[in-house]
Amino acid sequence: MNRLKHLKEQRAAKEARMKAIMDLCENENRNRKPEEKTEWDTLKGEVDGMRDEITALEAQEQIDQRS
């Protein structure tokens, strides 16, 4: 499923950006700035939604393989 691969790649990119925000704050020994918090929260919501869709696509893939 090409869509599954694409979603996983998008999710990985978003998760990498989330990590970069947290790493920057840790390296600078500070909390997230308001814009970083907004970006991180937005990415988290997108990743959670993608996770649900990826799970559904993987389940469908397994069903298709049994058919």
Protein backbone atom coordinates (compact mmCIF):
# COMPACT_ATOMS: atom_id res chain seq x y z
CA MET A 1 0.00 0.00 0.00
CA ASN A 2 1.65 3.16 -1.21
CA ARG A 3 -0.56 5.34 1.00
CA LEU A 4 0.61 3.48 4.10
CA LYS A 5 4.26 4.10 3.27
CA HIS A 6 3.56 7.77 2.57
CA LEU A 7 1.74 8.23 5.89
CA LYS A 8 4.55 6.54 7.80
CA GLU A 9 7.09 8.84 6.15
CA GLN A 10 5.02 11.91 6.96
CA ARG A 11 4.58 10.75 10.56
CA ALA A 12 8.32 10.19 10.93
CA ALA A 13 9.06 13.70 9.64
CA LYS A 14 6.58 15.24 12.07
CA GLU A 15 7.96 13.21 14.96
CA ALA A 16 11.49 14.31 14.03
CA ARG A 17 10.40 17.95 14.14
CA MET A 18 8.76 17.39 17.54
CA LYS A 19 11.99 15.89 18.84
CA ALA A 20 14.03 18.76 17.41
CA ILE A 21 11.88 21.27 19.30
CA MET A 22 12.32 19.38 22.56
CA ASP A 23 16.06 18.86 21.99
CA LEU A 24 16.55 22.58 21.35
CA CYS A 25 14.78 23.46 24.58
CA GLU A 26 16.77 20.87 26.50
CA ASN A 27 20.07 22.09 25.05
CA GLU A 28 19.17 25.65 25.97
CA ASN A 29 17.88 24.52 29.39
CA ARG A 30 14.53 26.23 28.97
CA ASN A 31 10.84 25.57 28.50
CA ARG A 32 9.22 25.79 25.09
CA LYS A 33 8.43 29.25 23.80
CA PRO A 34 4.74 29.85 23.03
CA GLU A 35 5.26 29.35 19.30
CA GLU A 36 7.21 26.13 19.92
CA LYS A 37 4.46 24.85 22.19
CA THR A 38 1.84 25.65 19.56
CA GLU A 39 3.85 23.95 16.82
CA TRP A 40 4.58 20.89 18.98
CA ASP A 41 0.94 20.56 20.05
CA THR A 42 -0.24 20.86 16.45
CA LEU A 43 2.25 18.23 15.29
CA LYS A 44 1.20 15.93 18.15
CA GLY A 45 -2.42 16.13 17.05
CA GLU A 46 -1.46 15.39 13.46
CA VAL A 47 0.73 12.44 14.50
CA ASP A 48 -2.05 11.00 16.65
CA GLY A 49 -4.47 11.21 13.72
CA MET A 50 -1.96 9.60 11.40
CA ARG A 51 -1.33 6.82 13.90
CA ASP A 52 -5.03 5.92 13.85
CA GLU A 53 -5.10 5.90 10.05
CA ILE A 54 -1.89 3.86 9.83
CA THR A 55 -3.34 1.29 12.23
CA ALA A 56 -6.47 1.02 10.09
CA LEU A 57 -4.46 0.66 6.88
CA GLU A 58 -2.25 -2.02 8.42
CA ALA A 59 -5.31 -3.92 9.60
CA GLN A 60 -6.82 -3.75 6.14
CA GLU A 61 -3.54 -4.93 4.63
CA GLN A 62 -3.63 -8.00 6.89
CA ILE A 63 -7.23 -8.69 5.93
CA ASP A 64 -6.34 -8.40 2.26
CA GLN A 65 -3.45 -10.84 2.67
CA ARG A 66 -5.78 -13.46 4.15
CA SER A 67 -8.20 -13.16 1.25
